[in-house]
Protein backbone atom coordinates (compact mmCIF):
# COMPACT_ATOMS: atom_id res chain seq x y z
CA MET A 1 0.00 0.00 0.00
CA LYS A 2 2.88 2.34 0.83
CA SER A 3 4.44 1.80 -2.62
CA LEU A 4 1.08 2.61 -4.29
CA PHE A 5 0.95 5.93 -2.40
CA ILE A 6 4.53 6.77 -3.41
CA ALA A 7 3.86 5.87 -7.05
CA GLY A 8 0.71 8.02 -7.07
CA SER A 9 2.58 10.91 -5.49
CA LEU A 10 5.35 10.67 -8.08
CA LEU A 11 2.80 10.59 -10.90
CA MET A 12 1.11 13.72 -9.55
CA PHE A 13 4.48 15.46 -9.26
CA ALA A 14 5.47 14.48 -12.80
CA THR A 15 2.19 15.79 -14.19
CA ALA A 16 2.42 19.06 -12.27
CA ALA A 17 6.06 19.51 -13.24
CA SER A 18 5.24 19.27 -16.95
CA ALA A 19 2.45 21.87 -16.86
CA ALA A 20 3.06 25.53 -17.58
CA THR A 21 2.05 27.92 -14.80
CA ILE A 22 0.34 31.22 -15.54
CA VAL A 23 0.35 33.84 -12.76
CA ASN A 24 -1.78 36.98 -12.94
CA LYS A 25 0.06 39.75 -11.06
CA ASP A 26 -2.35 42.41 -12.30
CA ASP A 27 -5.19 43.91 -10.28
CA LYS A 28 -7.74 42.90 -12.93
CA ALA A 29 -8.83 39.60 -14.47
CA HIS A 30 -7.63 38.54 -17.93
CA MET A 31 -8.94 36.14 -20.55
CA LEU A 32 -6.55 33.76 -22.31
CA VAL A 33 -7.25 31.53 -25.30
CA ILE A 34 -5.54 28.15 -24.96
CA THR A 35 -5.26 25.77 -27.92
CA GLU A 36 -4.13 22.28 -26.94
CA GLY A 37 -4.53 19.10 -28.95
CA GLY A 38 -6.64 20.90 -31.55
CA GLN A 39 -9.14 22.07 -28.91
CA GLN A 40 -9.54 25.77 -28.14
CA ALA A 41 -10.77 27.11 -24.80
CA GLU A 42 -11.12 30.54 -23.23
CA VAL A 43 -9.73 30.59 -19.71
CA GLY A 44 -10.19 33.44 -17.26
CA ILE A 45 -7.55 34.18 -14.66
CA ALA A 46 -8.43 36.36 -11.67
CA PRO A 47 -6.09 38.90 -10.05
CA GLY A 48 -3.44 37.09 -8.02
CA GLN A 49 -4.50 33.67 -9.35
CA SER A 50 -2.14 30.97 -10.64
CA ILE A 51 -3.29 28.23 -13.01
CA GLY A 52 -1.62 25.20 -14.56
CA VAL A 53 -2.08 24.68 -18.31
CA CYS A 54 -0.52 22.88 -21.25
CA ASN A 55 0.43 19.46 -19.94
CA GLY A 56 1.49 18.40 -23.42
CA GLY A 57 2.33 21.73 -25.03
CA CYS A 58 -0.05 24.33 -26.41
CA PHE A 59 -0.54 27.75 -27.95
CA VAL A 60 -1.71 30.58 -25.68
CA THR A 61 -3.14 33.87 -26.88
CA MET A 62 -2.11 36.41 -24.25
CA PRO A 63 -4.18 39.40 -23.04
CA ASN A 64 -2.40 41.76 -25.47
CA GLY A 65 -3.14 39.46 -28.45
CA ASP A 66 0.33 37.91 -28.72
CA ARG A 67 0.31 34.17 -29.40
CA GLU A 68 2.97 32.09 -27.67
CA THR A 69 3.94 28.43 -27.82
CA LEU A 70 4.37 26.70 -24.45
CA SER A 71 5.92 23.27 -24.05
CA GLY A 72 4.78 22.78 -20.48
CA GLY A 73 7.74 23.81 -18.34
CA GLU A 74 7.33 27.57 -18.32
CA THR A 75 6.07 30.15 -15.86
CA VAL A 76 4.13 32.97 -17.47
CA GLU A 77 3.64 36.15 -15.45
CA ILE A 78 1.02 38.68 -16.51
CA ASN A 79 1.86 42.17 -15.31
CA GLY A 80 0.51 45.40 -16.78
CA GLY A 81 -1.45 43.40 -19.35
CA LYS A 82 1.78 41.95 -20.78
CA ALA A 83 3.07 38.42 -20.42
CA THR A 84 6.64 37.48 -19.55
CA ILE A 85 7.67 33.86 -20.10
CA ASN A 86 10.32 32.26 -17.90
CA THR A 87 11.57 28.73 -18.42
CA ARG A 88 12.10 26.50 -15.41
CA PRO A 89 15.58 25.10 -14.82
CA ILE A 90 15.89 21.40 -15.55
């Protein structure tokens, strides 16, 4: 039973580690358009909120209209309506 818990914990960590994180540092909500696996979805992000997206890579249309490609290991910070993308160290 203990090994099942450890395996499940490692799987959750691996999934979370491969997702991109988007952080809204603005004082207003923003709408993003995320295209992943041929499916497009509008995703709202509230002020101060962080969300995980793009487990297998995706395209994200940012609040200013820029379209970026994410592979799943980035942190995107929205500040002043602009997005800054930082890659995580391996």
